[in-house]
Structure formats: C-alpha cells, structure tokens
Amino acid sequence: MHEALDIHRIGTVFSINVSNGGVPKKAVAGAKVSLSGLAGDAHEDTIGHGGLERAVCIYSVERIRALQKEGHPIEAGTVGENLTIEGIDWDLVVPGAQLRVGDEVVLEVASFTNPCKTIKRSFSDEKFVRIAQKLHPGWSRVYARVLSEGQIRSGDRVEVAPPPQ
C-alpha cells in the first residue's frame, strides 16, 4: 500500500515553458531557476503575476489532457504555467506542499492561481473559469516560491511532499 502512495508522489517534468510576456509560453529544454523564477521568463502583468510568492506557475499534464477531452484547445504552456508536470496526483499539489525538481530545485506551493482572460483562447467559448479553484476545486494551476535554486531540464524527476500536518 505504501508503494502505491509513493508512485503518485513521483513524476517528471513534462515541459518547461517560458515567454517574454504573455501566453502561450514556449517549451524549452531546460532553465535556471532563481528565487524570482525561471531564466528567460517574464510577465506582461507584473501586478498579478511574478514576485517571490508567485515565482513559478505549475500545472498538470493529466489535467490538460482531461480538459482536451472536454473539447478545450489547451496545450502545455498555453495557460501560462512554467512547469507542466506528469505522473503526480494533482490533488497532492496544494499550498504548503513541496516539490523537488531534478537534483537541486525545491519549490513550495504558495497558492492556487486565479485564472484571467489572458488564457481564454485555451478554452472553448473562452470559459477560462473552468480552472478556477473556487468553481472547480482541484483543477487550478498553482504558484510556488523557490526554496532552493538550480538548473532543471525537461524529463527531470519531480517528487512531491505533502504540507506539514
């Protein structure tokens, strides 16, 4: 039983996504992660995005695939996430949870994101609220702060540790 739980806490980096501002963010092979976020990434709206508590935006490729099955034209990076992860139970990725990415980087989930109209093209009928935590719990992206800086690459191992009790 314990091993089955561990399987859902270990995954991989499906995609690393950056842009000079706005969406979609484009996939890159790797990136340096500092306290302020990923090298090569910027935000058009610096009031609603970025900062130490929102340094890295993370989403689940399994959630993206489920949204695609619902008919939404979403792809990795189109909703502004920097890291698209695969193989981890997304319900474990909540505020307070920590993610070790690769050998160096440690992130701590700070909050759920609030979707904005910038990502509306990723949703049929532009209904971007489909990933609003308040309306659809468990479907939101998350923001994370950087606890340990370093280099990450696509395909790196990701381990999630639940928030302290």
N, C-alpha and C. Protein backbone atom coordinates (compact mmCIF):
# COMPACT_ATOMS: atom_id res chain seq x y z
N MET A 1 0.82 -1.20 0.00
CA MET A 1 0.00 0.00 0.00
C MET A 1 0.86 1.26 0.00
N HIS A 2 1.92 1.27 0.81
CA HIS A 2 2.79 2.42 0.90
C HIS A 2 3.43 2.74 -0.46
N GLU A 3 3.85 1.71 -1.20
CA GLU A 3 4.45 1.92 -2.51
C GLU A 3 3.48 2.56 -3.48
N ALA A 4 2.23 2.17 -3.44
CA ALA A 4 1.23 2.76 -4.34
C ALA A 4 1.08 4.25 -4.07
N LEU A 5 1.12 4.65 -2.81
CA LEU A 5 1.04 6.08 -2.48
C LEU A 5 2.25 6.81 -3.03
N ASP A 6 3.45 6.23 -2.90
CA ASP A 6 4.66 6.87 -3.37
C ASP A 6 4.64 7.08 -4.88
N ILE A 7 4.07 6.15 -5.62
CA ILE A 7 4.01 6.27 -7.07
C ILE A 7 3.33 7.58 -7.47
N HIS A 8 2.29 7.96 -6.78
CA HIS A 8 1.55 9.16 -7.12
C HIS A 8 2.23 10.43 -6.63
N ARG A 9 3.32 10.29 -5.89
CA ARG A 9 4.08 11.43 -5.41
C ARG A 9 5.35 11.65 -6.21
N ILE A 10 5.59 10.79 -7.19
CA ILE A 10 6.79 10.88 -8.02
C ILE A 10 6.36 10.98 -9.47
N GLY A 11 6.90 11.96 -10.16
CA GLY A 11 6.58 12.15 -11.56
C GLY A 11 7.77 12.74 -12.29
N THR A 12 7.48 13.40 -13.41
CA THR A 12 8.53 14.01 -14.21
C THR A 12 8.10 15.38 -14.71
N VAL A 13 9.09 16.15 -15.14
CA VAL A 13 8.82 17.42 -15.80
C VAL A 13 8.44 17.08 -17.24
N PHE A 14 7.19 17.33 -17.59
CA PHE A 14 6.72 17.09 -18.96
C PHE A 14 7.21 18.21 -19.87
N SER A 15 7.14 19.45 -19.38
CA SER A 15 7.50 20.60 -20.20
C SER A 15 7.93 21.76 -19.31
N ILE A 16 8.95 22.50 -19.75
CA ILE A 16 9.38 23.75 -19.12
C ILE A 16 9.01 24.85 -20.10
N ASN A 17 8.27 25.87 -19.62
CA ASN A 17 7.69 26.86 -20.52
C ASN A 17 8.05 28.28 -20.09
N VAL A 18 8.52 29.08 -21.05
CA VAL A 18 8.88 30.47 -20.77
C VAL A 18 8.39 31.37 -21.90
N SER A 19 8.29 32.67 -21.59
CA SER A 19 7.97 33.66 -22.62
C SER A 19 8.50 35.01 -22.17
N ASN A 20 8.57 35.93 -23.12
CA ASN A 20 8.97 37.30 -22.81
C ASN A 20 7.82 38.08 -22.21
N GLY A 21 6.67 37.45 -22.09
CA GLY A 21 5.48 38.07 -21.54
C GLY A 21 4.26 37.53 -22.25
N GLY A 22 3.25 37.18 -21.49
CA GLY A 22 2.02 36.68 -22.07
C GLY A 22 2.06 35.20 -22.37
N VAL A 23 1.00 34.75 -23.05
CA VAL A 23 0.86 33.35 -23.41
C VAL A 23 0.65 33.25 -24.92
N PRO A 24 1.00 32.12 -25.50
CA PRO A 24 1.48 30.92 -24.83
C PRO A 24 2.94 31.05 -24.44
N LYS A 25 3.32 30.29 -23.44
CA LYS A 25 4.73 30.14 -23.09
C LYS A 25 5.25 28.97 -23.91
N LYS A 26 6.44 29.12 -24.43
CA LYS A 26 7.04 28.12 -25.32
C LYS A 26 7.94 27.16 -24.55
N ALA A 27 7.94 25.92 -24.97
CA ALA A 27 8.75 24.88 -24.32
C ALA A 27 10.23 25.10 -24.60
N VAL A 28 11.04 24.91 -23.55
CA VAL A 28 12.50 24.94 -23.66
C VAL A 28 13.03 23.66 -23.02
N ALA A 29 14.24 23.29 -23.38
CA ALA A 29 14.82 22.04 -22.87
C ALA A 29 15.19 22.12 -21.40
N GLY A 30 15.57 23.31 -20.96
CA GLY A 30 15.97 23.48 -19.57
C GLY A 30 15.97 24.94 -19.19
N ALA A 31 16.10 25.21 -17.89
CA ALA A 31 16.12 26.59 -17.42
C ALA A 31 16.77 26.66 -16.05
N LYS A 32 17.38 27.80 -15.78
CA LYS A 32 17.90 28.10 -14.45
C LYS A 32 16.74 28.66 -13.64
N VAL A 33 16.56 28.14 -12.42
CA VAL A 33 15.51 28.60 -11.53
C VAL A 33 16.16 29.39 -10.40
N SER A 34 15.75 30.66 -10.27
CA SER A 34 16.24 31.51 -9.18
C SER A 34 15.06 31.86 -8.29
N LEU A 35 15.31 32.59 -7.23
CA LEU A 35 14.23 32.97 -6.32
C LEU A 35 13.11 33.73 -7.01
N SER A 36 13.45 34.44 -8.10
CA SER A 36 12.44 35.23 -8.81
C SER A 36 11.77 34.47 -9.95
N GLY A 37 12.17 33.23 -10.22
CA GLY A 37 11.52 32.45 -11.27
C GLY A 37 12.50 31.84 -12.25
N LEU A 38 12.01 31.54 -13.45
CA LEU A 38 12.82 30.89 -14.47
C LEU A 38 13.52 31.90 -15.35
N ALA A 39 14.79 31.65 -15.65
CA ALA A 39 15.53 32.49 -16.58
C ALA A 39 14.83 32.45 -17.94
N GLY A 40 14.69 33.60 -18.57
CA GLY A 40 14.04 33.67 -19.87
C GLY A 40 12.55 33.86 -19.81
N ASP A 41 11.99 33.97 -18.59
CA ASP A 41 10.55 34.15 -18.45
C ASP A 41 10.25 35.53 -17.90
N ALA A 42 9.19 36.14 -18.43
CA ALA A 42 8.76 37.46 -17.96
C ALA A 42 7.24 37.51 -17.98
N HIS A 43 6.69 38.57 -17.42
CA HIS A 43 5.24 38.72 -17.33
C HIS A 43 4.83 40.09 -17.85
N GLU A 44 3.75 40.13 -18.63
CA GLU A 44 3.21 41.41 -19.07
C GLU A 44 2.55 42.13 -17.91
N ASP A 45 1.85 41.40 -17.06
CA ASP A 45 1.15 41.95 -15.90
C ASP A 45 1.97 41.64 -14.66
N THR A 46 2.81 42.60 -14.25
CA THR A 46 3.68 42.34 -13.10
C THR A 46 2.98 42.58 -11.77
N ILE A 47 1.76 43.07 -11.80
CA ILE A 47 0.99 43.22 -10.56
C ILE A 47 0.34 41.88 -10.20
N GLY A 48 -0.26 41.21 -11.18
CA GLY A 48 -0.96 39.96 -10.93
C GLY A 48 -0.11 38.72 -11.04
N HIS A 49 1.12 38.87 -11.56
CA HIS A 49 1.98 37.71 -11.80
C HIS A 49 3.40 38.01 -11.33
N GLY A 50 4.15 36.98 -11.06
CA GLY A 50 5.54 37.13 -10.65
C GLY A 50 5.68 37.48 -9.18
N GLY A 51 6.89 37.78 -8.78
CA GLY A 51 7.19 38.05 -7.38
C GLY A 51 7.63 36.77 -6.70
N LEU A 52 8.16 36.90 -5.51
CA LEU A 52 8.72 35.74 -4.81
C LEU A 52 7.69 34.68 -4.46
N GLU A 53 6.45 35.09 -4.17
CA GLU A 53 5.40 34.13 -3.81
C GLU A 53 4.74 33.49 -5.05
N ARG A 54 5.03 34.05 -6.22
CA ARG A 54 4.46 33.54 -7.47
C ARG A 54 5.57 33.37 -8.50
N ALA A 55 6.72 32.90 -8.04
CA ALA A 55 7.89 32.81 -8.91
C ALA A 55 7.74 31.78 -10.02
N VAL A 56 7.05 30.67 -9.71
CA VAL A 56 6.89 29.58 -10.68
C VAL A 56 5.43 29.15 -10.69
N CYS A 57 4.86 29.07 -11.89
CA CYS A 57 3.49 28.57 -12.05
C CYS A 57 3.59 27.12 -12.54
N ILE A 58 2.79 26.25 -11.93
CA ILE A 58 2.87 24.80 -12.21
C ILE A 58 1.49 24.27 -12.56
N TYR A 59 1.45 23.33 -13.53
CA TYR A 59 0.20 22.67 -13.87
C TYR A 59 0.47 21.21 -14.23
N SER A 60 -0.60 20.45 -14.30
CA SER A 60 -0.55 19.01 -14.53
C SER A 60 -0.91 18.67 -15.98
N VAL A 61 -0.09 17.87 -16.64
CA VAL A 61 -0.42 17.46 -18.00
C VAL A 61 -1.64 16.55 -18.00
N GLU A 62 -1.87 15.82 -16.92
CA GLU A 62 -3.08 14.99 -16.85
C GLU A 62 -4.33 15.86 -16.84
N ARG A 63 -4.29 16.99 -16.14
CA ARG A 63 -5.43 17.92 -16.16
C ARG A 63 -5.60 18.51 -17.55
N ILE A 64 -4.50 18.85 -18.20
CA ILE A 64 -4.56 19.39 -19.56
C ILE A 64 -5.20 18.38 -20.50
N ARG A 65 -4.80 17.13 -20.42
CA ARG A 65 -5.37 16.09 -21.29
C ARG A 65 -6.86 15.90 -21.02
N ALA A 66 -7.26 15.96 -19.76
CA ALA A 66 -8.69 15.83 -19.43
C ALA A 66 -9.47 17.01 -19.99
N LEU A 67 -8.90 18.20 -19.93
CA LEU A 67 -9.57 19.38 -20.50
C LEU A 67 -9.66 19.27 -22.02
N GLN A 68 -8.64 18.72 -22.65
CA GLN A 68 -8.69 18.49 -24.10
C GLN A 68 -9.83 17.55 -24.45
N LYS A 69 -10.03 16.51 -23.64
CA LYS A 69 -11.13 15.57 -23.89
C LYS A 69 -12.49 16.25 -23.74
N GLU A 70 -12.56 17.31 -22.95
CA GLU A 70 -13.79 18.09 -22.81
C GLU A 70 -13.99 19.02 -24.01
N GLY A 71 -12.99 19.10 -24.90
CA GLY A 71 -13.11 19.94 -26.08
C GLY A 71 -12.37 21.26 -26.02
N HIS A 72 -11.58 21.47 -24.99
CA HIS A 72 -10.83 22.72 -24.86
C HIS A 72 -9.52 22.63 -25.65
N PRO A 73 -9.13 23.72 -26.36
CA PRO A 73 -7.90 23.71 -27.16
C PRO A 73 -6.64 24.03 -26.35
N ILE A 74 -6.58 23.60 -25.12
CA ILE A 74 -5.45 23.85 -24.22
C ILE A 74 -4.27 22.96 -24.59
N GLU A 75 -3.07 23.48 -24.42
CA GLU A 75 -1.82 22.74 -24.60
C GLU A 75 -0.88 23.13 -23.46
N ALA A 76 0.18 22.38 -23.28
CA ALA A 76 1.19 22.75 -22.28
C ALA A 76 1.72 24.14 -22.60
N GLY A 77 1.72 25.00 -21.59
CA GLY A 77 2.23 26.36 -21.74
C GLY A 77 1.19 27.40 -22.13
N THR A 78 0.03 26.98 -22.63
CA THR A 78 -0.94 27.97 -23.10
C THR A 78 -1.72 28.65 -21.98
N VAL A 79 -1.67 28.10 -20.77
CA VAL A 79 -2.34 28.77 -19.66
C VAL A 79 -1.32 29.42 -18.72
N GLY A 80 -0.10 29.61 -19.23
CA GLY A 80 0.90 30.39 -18.53
C GLY A 80 1.76 29.66 -17.53
N GLU A 81 1.63 28.34 -17.46
CA GLU A 81 2.45 27.62 -16.47
C GLU A 81 3.89 27.50 -16.96
N ASN A 82 4.81 27.60 -16.01
CA ASN A 82 6.24 27.42 -16.30
C ASN A 82 6.63 25.95 -16.30
N LEU A 83 6.02 25.19 -15.41
CA LEU A 83 6.30 23.76 -15.34
C LEU A 83 5.02 22.99 -15.56
N THR A 84 5.04 22.10 -16.53
CA THR A 84 3.95 21.16 -16.72
C THR A 84 4.50 19.82 -16.23
N ILE A 85 3.86 19.26 -15.20
CA ILE A 85 4.37 18.02 -14.62
C ILE A 85 3.46 16.85 -14.96
N GLU A 86 4.04 15.66 -14.90
CA GLU A 86 3.32 14.45 -15.29
C GLU A 86 3.55 13.36 -14.24
N GLY A 87 2.48 12.60 -13.95
CA GLY A 87 2.61 11.42 -13.12
C GLY A 87 2.36 11.61 -11.64
N ILE A 88 2.07 12.83 -11.22
CA ILE A 88 1.81 13.11 -9.81
C ILE A 88 0.32 13.36 -9.62
N ASP A 89 -0.23 12.81 -8.56
CA ASP A 89 -1.63 13.06 -8.22
C ASP A 89 -1.78 14.55 -7.95
N TRP A 90 -2.48 15.26 -8.83
CA TRP A 90 -2.60 16.72 -8.74
C TRP A 90 -3.28 17.16 -7.44
N ASP A 91 -4.08 16.31 -6.86
CA ASP A 91 -4.74 16.65 -5.60
C ASP A 91 -3.75 16.76 -4.44
N LEU A 92 -2.52 16.28 -4.62
CA LEU A 92 -1.48 16.41 -3.61
C LEU A 92 -0.74 17.75 -3.71
N VAL A 93 -0.90 18.43 -4.84
CA VAL A 93 -0.17 19.67 -5.09
C VAL A 93 -1.03 20.84 -4.61
N VAL A 94 -0.89 21.14 -3.33
CA VAL A 94 -1.72 22.15 -2.65
C VAL A 94 -0.80 23.09 -1.88
N PRO A 95 -1.30 24.26 -1.47
CA PRO A 95 -0.46 25.17 -0.69
C PRO A 95 0.20 24.46 0.49
N GLY A 96 1.50 24.69 0.62
CA GLY A 96 2.30 24.06 1.66
C GLY A 96 3.07 22.84 1.19
N ALA A 97 2.61 22.20 0.12
CA ALA A 97 3.33 21.04 -0.43
C ALA A 97 4.66 21.51 -1.03
N GLN A 98 5.66 20.65 -0.95
CA GLN A 98 6.95 20.96 -1.55
C GLN A 98 7.23 20.00 -2.69
N LEU A 99 7.85 20.54 -3.75
CA LEU A 99 8.23 19.74 -4.90
C LEU A 99 9.73 19.84 -5.11
N ARG A 100 10.39 18.69 -5.15
CA ARG A 100 11.80 18.65 -5.52
C ARG A 100 11.84 18.35 -7.01
N VAL A 101 12.50 19.23 -7.76
CA VAL A 101 12.58 19.10 -9.21
C VAL A 101 14.04 18.90 -9.59
N GLY A 102 14.34 17.75 -10.17
CA GLY A 102 15.73 17.46 -10.51
C GLY A 102 16.55 17.27 -9.24
N ASP A 103 17.84 17.60 -9.34
CA ASP A 103 18.76 17.38 -8.21
C ASP A 103 18.90 18.58 -7.29
N GLU A 104 18.48 19.77 -7.74
CA GLU A 104 18.78 20.98 -6.99
C GLU A 104 17.57 21.78 -6.54
N VAL A 105 16.56 21.86 -7.35
CA VAL A 105 15.48 22.82 -7.13
C VAL A 105 14.42 22.27 -6.17
N VAL A 106 14.04 23.11 -5.20
CA VAL A 106 12.94 22.79 -4.30
C VAL A 106 11.96 23.96 -4.35
N LEU A 107 10.70 23.64 -4.61
CA LEU A 107 9.63 24.63 -4.68
C LEU A 107 8.62 24.34 -3.59
N GLU A 108 7.97 25.39 -3.10
CA GLU A 108 6.88 25.22 -2.15
C GLU A 108 5.64 25.90 -2.71
N VAL A 109 4.56 25.16 -2.81
CA VAL A 109 3.32 25.72 -3.34
C VAL A 109 2.84 26.81 -2.38
N ALA A 110 2.67 28.02 -2.91
CA ALA A 110 2.24 29.16 -2.10
C ALA A 110 0.73 29.38 -2.18
N SER A 111 0.15 29.15 -3.38
CA SER A 111 -1.28 29.42 -3.55
C SER A 111 -1.79 28.80 -4.83
N PHE A 112 -3.12 28.71 -4.91
CA PHE A 112 -3.77 28.38 -6.18
C PHE A 112 -3.79 29.66 -7.01
N THR A 113 -3.77 29.53 -8.33
CA THR A 113 -3.84 30.72 -9.18
C THR A 113 -5.29 31.10 -9.43
N ASN A 114 -5.50 32.34 -9.77
CA ASN A 114 -6.80 32.81 -10.25
C ASN A 114 -6.68 32.98 -11.75
N PRO A 115 -7.46 32.27 -12.54
CA PRO A 115 -7.33 32.41 -13.99
C PRO A 115 -7.80 33.79 -14.44
N CYS A 116 -7.19 34.29 -15.52
CA CYS A 116 -7.59 35.59 -16.06
C CYS A 116 -7.87 35.46 -17.55
N LYS A 117 -8.43 36.50 -18.12
CA LYS A 117 -8.87 36.45 -19.52
C LYS A 117 -7.72 36.25 -20.50
N THR A 118 -6.49 36.46 -20.07
CA THR A 118 -5.34 36.26 -20.95
C THR A 118 -5.29 34.83 -21.49
N ILE A 119 -5.80 33.87 -20.74
CA ILE A 119 -5.72 32.46 -21.14
C ILE A 119 -7.00 31.97 -21.82
N LYS A 120 -7.93 32.86 -22.11
CA LYS A 120 -9.25 32.46 -22.61
C LYS A 120 -9.20 31.65 -23.90
N ARG A 121 -8.19 31.85 -24.73
CA ARG A 121 -8.12 31.11 -26.01
C ARG A 121 -7.85 29.62 -25.81
N SER A 122 -7.47 29.24 -24.61
CA SER A 122 -7.22 27.83 -24.32
C SER A 122 -8.48 27.07 -23.95
N PHE A 123 -9.63 27.77 -23.99
CA PHE A 123 -10.88 27.16 -23.56
C PHE A 123 -11.98 27.39 -24.58
N SER A 124 -12.79 26.35 -24.81
CA SER A 124 -13.92 26.51 -25.71
C SER A 124 -14.84 27.57 -25.12
N ASP A 125 -15.41 28.39 -25.97
CA ASP A 125 -16.25 29.51 -25.55
C ASP A 125 -15.53 30.44 -24.58
N GLU A 126 -14.19 30.39 -24.58
CA GLU A 126 -13.35 31.26 -23.75
C GLU A 126 -13.68 31.19 -22.26
N LYS A 127 -14.17 30.05 -21.82
CA LYS A 127 -14.57 29.86 -20.42
C LYS A 127 -13.37 29.45 -19.57
N PHE A 128 -12.47 30.41 -19.36
CA PHE A 128 -11.25 30.16 -18.60
C PHE A 128 -11.51 29.87 -17.12
N VAL A 129 -12.71 30.17 -16.64
CA VAL A 129 -13.04 29.87 -15.24
C VAL A 129 -13.13 28.36 -15.01
N ARG A 130 -13.00 27.57 -16.06
CA ARG A 130 -13.01 26.11 -15.92
C ARG A 130 -11.90 25.65 -14.99
N ILE A 131 -10.83 26.46 -14.87
CA ILE A 131 -9.74 26.07 -13.97
C ILE A 131 -9.64 26.99 -12.75
N ALA A 132 -10.76 27.59 -12.38
CA ALA A 132 -10.82 28.40 -11.15
C ALA A 132 -11.01 27.48 -9.95
N GLN A 133 -10.15 27.59 -8.97
CA GLN A 133 -10.20 26.72 -7.79
C GLN A 133 -11.54 26.84 -7.06
N LYS A 134 -12.09 28.04 -6.97
CA LYS A 134 -13.35 28.22 -6.24
C LYS A 134 -14.52 27.54 -6.93
N LEU A 135 -14.51 27.50 -8.25
CA LEU A 135 -15.61 26.89 -9.00
C LEU A 135 -15.38 25.41 -9.29
N HIS A 136 -14.13 25.04 -9.49
CA HIS A 136 -13.77 23.66 -9.85
C HIS A 136 -12.56 23.22 -9.03
N PRO A 137 -12.75 22.92 -7.75
CA PRO A 137 -11.63 22.53 -6.89
C PRO A 137 -10.81 21.39 -7.50
N GLY A 138 -9.50 21.54 -7.42
CA GLY A 138 -8.60 20.51 -7.93
C GLY A 138 -8.19 20.71 -9.38
N TRP A 139 -8.71 21.74 -10.04
CA TRP A 139 -8.40 21.98 -11.45
C TRP A 139 -7.52 23.20 -11.67
N SER A 140 -7.19 23.91 -10.63
CA SER A 140 -6.40 25.13 -10.73
C SER A 140 -4.91 24.84 -10.93
N ARG A 141 -4.25 25.78 -11.55
CA ARG A 141 -2.78 25.80 -11.53
C ARG A 141 -2.36 26.27 -10.15
N VAL A 142 -1.07 26.18 -9.84
CA VAL A 142 -0.57 26.68 -8.56
C VAL A 142 0.64 27.58 -8.78
N TYR A 143 0.82 28.50 -7.83
CA TYR A 143 2.03 29.32 -7.77
C TYR A 143 2.94 28.74 -6.70
N ALA A 144 4.24 28.80 -6.95
CA ALA A 144 5.20 28.31 -5.97
C ALA A 144 6.32 29.31 -5.75
N ARG A 145 6.83 29.30 -4.52
CA ARG A 145 8.03 30.06 -4.19
C ARG A 145 9.22 29.11 -4.33
N VAL A 146 10.38 29.66 -4.59
CA VAL A 146 11.59 28.86 -4.76
C VAL A 146 12.34 28.80 -3.44
N LEU A 147 12.51 27.60 -2.91
CA LEU A 147 13.26 27.41 -1.66
C LEU A 147 14.73 27.11 -1.94
N SER A 148 14.99 26.44 -3.06
CA SER A 148 16.36 26.09 -3.44
C SER A 148 16.51 26.27 -4.94
N GLU A 149 17.47 27.11 -5.33
CA GLU A 149 17.69 27.44 -6.74
C GLU A 149 18.50 26.34 -7.43
N GLY A 150 18.47 26.37 -8.76
CA GLY A 150 19.28 25.43 -9.53
C GLY A 150 18.80 25.31 -10.96
N GLN A 151 19.32 24.32 -11.63
CA GLN A 151 19.01 24.05 -13.03
C GLN A 151 17.98 22.93 -13.11
N ILE A 152 17.01 23.07 -14.03
CA ILE A 152 16.06 21.99 -14.30
C ILE A 152 16.05 21.69 -15.79
N ARG A 153 15.66 20.46 -16.12
CA ARG A 153 15.56 20.05 -17.52
C ARG A 153 14.27 19.27 -17.71
N SER A 154 13.76 19.32 -18.91
CA SER A 154 12.60 18.52 -19.26
C SER A 154 12.96 17.05 -19.03
N GLY A 155 12.05 16.30 -18.42
CA GLY A 155 12.30 14.90 -18.10
C GLY A 155 12.83 14.68 -16.70
N ASP A 156 13.20 15.76 -16.00
CA ASP A 156 13.69 15.62 -14.63
C ASP A 156 12.63 14.97 -13.74
N ARG A 157 13.10 14.29 -12.72
CA ARG A 157 12.23 13.69 -11.71
C ARG A 157 11.62 14.80 -10.86
N VAL A 158 10.34 14.62 -10.50
CA VAL A 158 9.64 15.54 -9.59
C VAL A 158 9.08 14.70 -8.45
N GLU A 159 9.35 15.12 -7.23
CA GLU A 159 8.80 14.44 -6.05
C GLU A 159 8.01 15.46 -5.25
N VAL A 160 6.82 15.09 -4.82
CA VAL A 160 6.01 15.99 -4.01
C VAL A 160 5.93 15.46 -2.59
N ALA A 161 6.08 16.38 -1.64
CA ALA A 161 5.90 16.06 -0.22
C ALA A 161 4.71 16.87 0.26
N PRO A 162 3.76 16.24 0.93
CA PRO A 162 2.57 16.97 1.38
C PRO A 162 2.93 18.03 2.40
N PRO A 163 2.02 19.00 2.60
CA PRO A 163 2.27 20.03 3.62
C PRO A 163 2.41 19.40 5.00
N PRO A 164 3.20 20.03 5.87
CA PRO A 164 3.30 19.52 7.24
C PRO A 164 1.93 19.53 7.91
N GLN A 165 1.69 18.55 8.74
CA GLN A 165 0.38 18.45 9.43
C GLN A 165 0.31 19.37 10.61
